[in-house]
Amino acid sequence: MKEKDAQPTFLTIRATLASIKAQDPNTCASEHFLRELCIAGAPFSVKVGETYIINVNKLCSYLYGQAKN
């Protein structure tokens, strides 16, 4: 399967942070940081009811400066 055809991984803010910390235990990212990005309208987040979900692949690209607008 091509990477473009892969299903995106959407996680809640808390689950996204847990995923990031599993890969990098020394990360400076926090729930507050992720929530503020979502509230600001970050292109990798979607609000579902009262919950924000994050496309983890797009978040990583965004953080590494590879996001294409």
C-alpha atoms as a PDB file:
ATOM      1  CA  MET A   1       0.000   0.000   0.000  1.00  0.00           C
ATOM      2  CA  LYS A   2       1.286   3.464  -0.875  1.00  0.00           C
ATOM      3  CA  GLU A   3       1.834   5.892   1.986  1.00  0.00           C
ATOM      4  CA  LYS A   4      -0.652   8.337   0.451  1.00  0.00           C
ATOM      5  CA  ASP A   5      -3.332   5.628   0.593  1.00  0.00           C
ATOM      6  CA  ALA A   6      -2.701   4.866   4.275  1.00  0.00           C
ATOM      7  CA  GLN A   7      -5.443   5.756   6.741  1.00  0.00           C
ATOM      8  CA  PRO A   8      -4.568   8.767   8.890  1.00  0.00           C
ATOM      9  CA  THR A   9      -4.238   8.173  12.620  1.00  0.00           C
ATOM     10  CA  PHE A  10      -6.525  10.439  14.637  1.00  0.00           C
ATOM     11  CA  LEU A  11      -6.077  10.581  18.405  1.00  0.00           C
ATOM     12  CA  THR A  12      -7.339  12.766  21.221  1.00  0.00           C
ATOM     13  CA  ILE A  13      -4.982  15.355  22.659  1.00  0.00           C
ATOM     14  CA  ARG A  14      -4.142  13.136  25.637  1.00  0.00           C
ATOM     15  CA  ALA A  15      -3.557  10.055  23.451  1.00  0.00           C
ATOM     16  CA  THR A  16      -1.450  12.104  21.022  1.00  0.00           C
ATOM     17  CA  LEU A  17       0.772  13.286  23.852  1.00  0.00           C
ATOM     18  CA  ALA A  18       1.129   9.703  25.125  1.00  0.00           C
ATOM     19  CA  SER A  19       2.163   8.614  21.627  1.00  0.00           C
ATOM     20  CA  ILE A  20       4.731  11.413  21.389  1.00  0.00           C
ATOM     21  CA  LYS A  21       6.117  10.626  24.852  1.00  0.00           C
ATOM     22  CA  ALA A  22       6.406   6.935  23.951  1.00  0.00           C
ATOM     23  CA  GLN A  23       8.673   7.899  21.054  1.00  0.00           C
ATOM     24  CA  ASP A  24      10.493  10.708  22.893  1.00  0.00           C
ATOM     25  CA  PRO A  25      10.291  10.569  26.697  1.00  0.00           C
ATOM     26  CA  ASN A  26      12.165  13.899  26.970  1.00  0.00           C
ATOM     27  CA  THR A  27       9.720  15.853  24.801  1.00  0.00           C
ATOM     28  CA  CYS A  28       8.743  19.348  25.873  1.00  0.00           C
ATOM     29  CA  ALA A  29       5.261  18.991  24.355  1.00  0.00           C
ATOM     30  CA  SER A  30       2.345  19.206  26.769  1.00  0.00           C
ATOM     31  CA  GLU A  31      -1.438  18.837  26.630  1.00  0.00           C
ATOM     32  CA  HIS A  32      -1.704  22.602  26.995  1.00  0.00           C
ATOM     33  CA  PHE A  33       0.606  23.149  24.001  1.00  0.00           C
ATOM     34  CA  LEU A  34      -1.388  20.762  21.804  1.00  0.00           C
ATOM     35  CA  ARG A  35      -4.736  22.191  22.954  1.00  0.00           C
ATOM     36  CA  GLU A  36      -3.623  25.759  22.192  1.00  0.00           C
ATOM     37  CA  LEU A  37      -2.544  24.712  18.691  1.00  0.00           C
ATOM     38  CA  CYS A  38      -5.963  23.122  18.129  1.00  0.00           C
ATOM     39  CA  ILE A  39      -7.832  26.180  19.422  1.00  0.00           C
ATOM     40  CA  ALA A  40      -5.745  28.380  17.124  1.00  0.00           C
ATOM     41  CA  GLY A  41      -7.030  26.363  14.147  1.00  0.00           C
ATOM     42  CA  ALA A  42      -4.034  24.159  13.410  1.00  0.00           C
ATOM     43  CA  PRO A  43      -4.490  22.312  10.096  1.00  0.00           C
ATOM     44  CA  PHE A  44      -3.959  18.886  11.693  1.00  0.00           C
ATOM     45  CA  SER A  45      -6.856  19.068  14.175  1.00  0.00           C
ATOM     46  CA  VAL A  46     -10.615  18.595  13.964  1.00  0.00           C
ATOM     47  CA  LYS A  47     -13.158  19.455  16.638  1.00  0.00           C
ATOM     48  CA  VAL A  48     -15.709  16.705  17.197  1.00  0.00           C
ATOM     49  CA  GLY A  49     -18.308  17.874  19.690  1.00  0.00           C
ATOM     50  CA  GLU A  50     -16.263  19.209  22.599  1.00  0.00           C
ATOM     51  CA  THR A  51     -13.210  17.081  21.774  1.00  0.00           C
ATOM     52  CA  TYR A  52     -10.314  17.848  19.483  1.00  0.00           C
ATOM     53  CA  ILE A  53      -8.815  14.976  17.538  1.00  0.00           C
ATOM     54  CA  ILE A  54      -5.395  15.236  15.942  1.00  0.00           C
ATOM     55  CA  ASN A  55      -4.036  13.703  12.762  1.00  0.00           C
ATOM     56  CA  VAL A  56      -0.754  12.484  14.247  1.00  0.00           C
ATOM     57  CA  ASN A  57       1.046  12.213  10.892  1.00  0.00           C
ATOM     58  CA  LYS A  58       0.206  15.810   9.969  1.00  0.00           C
ATOM     59  CA  LEU A  59       1.152  16.995  13.460  1.00  0.00           C
ATOM     60  CA  CYS A  60       4.622  15.487  13.074  1.00  0.00           C
ATOM     61  CA  SER A  61       5.036  17.144   9.667  1.00  0.00           C
ATOM     62  CA  TYR A  62       3.828  20.437  11.135  1.00  0.00           C
ATOM     63  CA  LEU A  63       6.253  20.284  14.051  1.00  0.00           C
ATOM     64  CA  TYR A  64       9.158  19.470  11.770  1.00  0.00           C
ATOM     65  CA  GLY A  65       8.297  22.346   9.436  1.00  0.00           C
ATOM     66  CA  GLN A  66       7.273  20.140   6.540  1.00  0.00           C
ATOM     67  CA  ALA A  67       3.597  21.097   6.454  1.00  0.00           C
ATOM     68  CA  LYS A  68       2.284  22.282   3.101  1.00  0.00           C
ATOM     69  CA  ASN A  69      -0.527  24.824   3.276  1.00  0.00           C
END
